[in-house]
C-alpha atoms as a PDB file:
ATOM      1  CA  UNK A   1     224.304 172.054 -27.961  1.00  0.00           C
ATOM      2  CA  UNK A   2     223.583 169.912 -30.998  1.00  0.00           C
ATOM      3  CA  UNK A   3     220.552 167.672 -31.013  1.00  0.00           C
ATOM      4  CA  UNK A   4     220.397 164.387 -32.823  1.00  0.00           C
ATOM      5  CA  UNK A   5     217.472 164.052 -35.192  1.00  0.00           C
ATOM      6  CA  UNK A   6     215.957 160.676 -35.752  1.00  0.00           C
ATOM      7  CA  UNK A   7     214.053 160.022 -38.939  1.00  0.00           C
ATOM      8  CA  UNK A   8     210.743 158.459 -38.006  1.00  0.00           C
ATOM      9  CA  UNK A   9     209.460 157.630 -41.462  1.00  0.00           C
ATOM     10  CA  UNK A  10     211.418 156.437 -44.426  1.00  0.00           C
ATOM     11  CA  UNK A  11     211.210 158.850 -47.308  1.00  0.00           C
ATOM     12  CA  UNK A  12     209.915 157.029 -50.346  1.00  0.00           C
ATOM     13  CA  UNK A  13     210.608 157.999 -53.910  1.00  0.00           C
ATOM     14  CA  UNK A  14     207.612 158.840 -56.020  1.00  0.00           C
ATOM     15  CA  UNK A  15     206.620 156.465 -58.730  1.00  0.00           C
ATOM     16  CA  UNK A  16     206.936 157.506 -62.347  1.00  0.00           C
ATOM     17  CA  UNK A  17     203.147 157.839 -62.595  1.00  0.00           C
ATOM     18  CA  UNK A  18     203.081 160.185 -59.581  1.00  0.00           C
ATOM     19  CA  UNK A  19     205.841 162.303 -61.119  1.00  0.00           C
ATOM     20  CA  UNK A  20     203.967 162.472 -64.416  1.00  0.00           C
ATOM     21  CA  UNK A  21     200.757 163.448 -62.645  1.00  0.00           C
ATOM     22  CA  UNK A  22     202.569 166.237 -60.789  1.00  0.00           C
ATOM     23  CA  UNK A  23     203.982 167.465 -64.091  1.00  0.00           C
ATOM     24  CA  UNK A  24     200.515 167.552 -65.641  1.00  0.00           C
ATOM     25  CA  UNK A  25     199.096 169.369 -62.613  1.00  0.00           C
ATOM     26  CA  UNK A  26     201.950 171.901 -62.818  1.00  0.00           C
ATOM     27  CA  UNK A  27     201.211 172.496 -66.494  1.00  0.00           C
ATOM     28  CA  UNK A  28     197.525 173.057 -65.794  1.00  0.00           C
ATOM     29  CA  UNK A  29     198.273 175.374 -62.867  1.00  0.00           C
ATOM     30  CA  UNK A  30     200.784 177.389 -64.900  1.00  0.00           C
ATOM     31  CA  UNK A  31     198.306 177.644 -67.800  1.00  0.00           C
ATOM     32  CA  UNK A  32     195.659 178.963 -65.396  1.00  0.00           C
ATOM     33  CA  UNK A  33     198.121 181.516 -63.984  1.00  0.00           C
ATOM     34  CA  UNK A  34     199.057 182.611 -67.511  1.00  0.00           C
ATOM     35  CA  UNK A  35     195.400 183.017 -68.478  1.00  0.00           C
ATOM     36  CA  UNK A  36     194.769 185.033 -65.320  1.00  0.00           C
ATOM     37  CA  UNK A  37     197.765 187.302 -65.944  1.00  0.00           C
ATOM     38  CA  UNK A  38     196.596 187.902 -69.529  1.00  0.00           C
ATOM     39  CA  UNK A  39     193.096 188.846 -68.367  1.00  0.00           C
ATOM     40  CA  UNK A  40     194.443 191.131 -65.640  1.00  0.00           C
ATOM     41  CA  UNK A  41     196.844 192.772 -68.099  1.00  0.00           C
ATOM     42  CA  UNK A  42     193.893 193.867 -70.233  1.00  0.00           C
ATOM     43  CA  UNK A  43     192.521 195.940 -67.352  1.00  0.00           C
ATOM     44  CA  UNK A  44     195.792 196.971 -65.713  1.00  0.00           C
ATOM     45  CA  UNK A  45     196.431 200.588 -64.884  1.00  0.00           C
ATOM     46  CA  UNK A  46     199.744 202.469 -64.803  1.00  0.00           C
ATOM     47  CA  UNK A  47     202.204 200.591 -62.573  1.00  0.00           C
ATOM     48  CA  UNK A  48     200.459 197.241 -62.858  1.00  0.00           C
ATOM     49  CA  UNK A  49     201.114 197.012 -66.603  1.00  0.00           C
ATOM     50  CA  UNK A  50     204.775 196.194 -65.928  1.00  0.00           C
ATOM     51  CA  UNK A  51     203.826 193.715 -63.217  1.00  0.00           C
ATOM     52  CA  UNK A  52     201.408 191.753 -65.402  1.00  0.00           C
ATOM     53  CA  UNK A  53     203.712 191.815 -68.419  1.00  0.00           C
ATOM     54  CA  UNK A  54     206.399 190.275 -66.184  1.00  0.00           C
ATOM     55  CA  UNK A  55     203.923 187.669 -64.924  1.00  0.00           C
ATOM     56  CA  UNK A  56     202.941 186.792 -68.497  1.00  0.00           C
ATOM     57  CA  UNK A  57     206.562 186.390 -69.580  1.00  0.00           C
ATOM     58  CA  UNK A  58     207.464 184.326 -66.488  1.00  0.00           C
ATOM     59  CA  UNK A  59     204.467 182.009 -66.803  1.00  0.00           C
ATOM     60  CA  UNK A  60     204.976 181.584 -70.557  1.00  0.00           C
ATOM     61  CA  UNK A  61     208.622 180.613 -70.006  1.00  0.00           C
ATOM     62  CA  UNK A  62     207.640 178.175 -67.246  1.00  0.00           C
ATOM     63  CA  UNK A  63     204.901 176.677 -69.418  1.00  0.00           C
ATOM     64  CA  UNK A  64     207.309 176.223 -72.336  1.00  0.00           C
ATOM     65  CA  UNK A  65     209.762 174.422 -70.046  1.00  0.00           C
ATOM     66  CA  UNK A  66     207.088 172.147 -68.577  1.00  0.00           C
ATOM     67  CA  UNK A  67     205.707 171.306 -72.022  1.00  0.00           C
ATOM     68  CA  UNK A  68     209.184 170.360 -73.284  1.00  0.00           C
ATOM     69  CA  UNK A  69     209.672 168.207 -70.209  1.00  0.00           C
ATOM     70  CA  UNK A  70     206.318 166.499 -70.823  1.00  0.00           C
ATOM     71  CA  UNK A  71     207.225 165.848 -74.456  1.00  0.00           C
ATOM     72  CA  UNK A  72     210.581 164.361 -73.472  1.00  0.00           C
ATOM     73  CA  UNK A  73     208.780 161.980 -71.082  1.00  0.00           C
ATOM     74  CA  UNK A  74     206.377 160.970 -73.832  1.00  0.00           C
ATOM     75  CA  UNK A  75     203.328 162.526 -72.197  1.00  0.00           C
ATOM     76  CA  UNK A  76     200.850 163.369 -74.930  1.00  0.00           C
ATOM     77  CA  UNK A  77     200.018 167.053 -75.035  1.00  0.00           C
ATOM     78  CA  UNK A  78     196.496 166.169 -76.121  1.00  0.00           C
ATOM     79  CA  UNK A  79     196.086 164.343 -72.815  1.00  0.00           C
ATOM     80  CA  UNK A  80     197.152 167.488 -70.949  1.00  0.00           C
ATOM     81  CA  UNK A  81     194.669 169.582 -72.931  1.00  0.00           C
ATOM     82  CA  UNK A  82     191.935 167.047 -72.231  1.00  0.00           C
ATOM     83  CA  UNK A  83     192.601 167.142 -68.485  1.00  0.00           C
ATOM     84  CA  UNK A  84     192.722 170.959 -68.598  1.00  0.00           C
ATOM     85  CA  UNK A  85     189.377 171.115 -70.388  1.00  0.00           C
ATOM     86  CA  UNK A  86     187.762 168.632 -67.979  1.00  0.00           C
ATOM     87  CA  UNK A  87     189.056 170.546 -64.966  1.00  0.00           C
ATOM     88  CA  UNK A  88     187.697 173.864 -66.273  1.00  0.00           C
ATOM     89  CA  UNK A  89     184.301 172.360 -67.102  1.00  0.00           C
ATOM     90  CA  UNK A  90     184.048 170.959 -63.576  1.00  0.00           C
ATOM     91  CA  UNK A  91     184.532 174.392 -62.014  1.00  0.00           C
END
């Protein structure tokens, strides 16, 4: 009835650099989502106004949390802005 599962690969912890990179990517992604929600809010009709205002509040709260986490890890916010600008210029 119960099957035994065998782990084939050892799960490795991420290095501190990989964790920091993921944090920066999350900040950039959240900033993009916040920008998108703000733009969509400007053109929202009736029922979508509430939806986009919720999205703006949720993304702003998430961004604030991620930025505090980055500051506590000593990640320079200017570095995050630089990566964000480079990414947007590349697109």
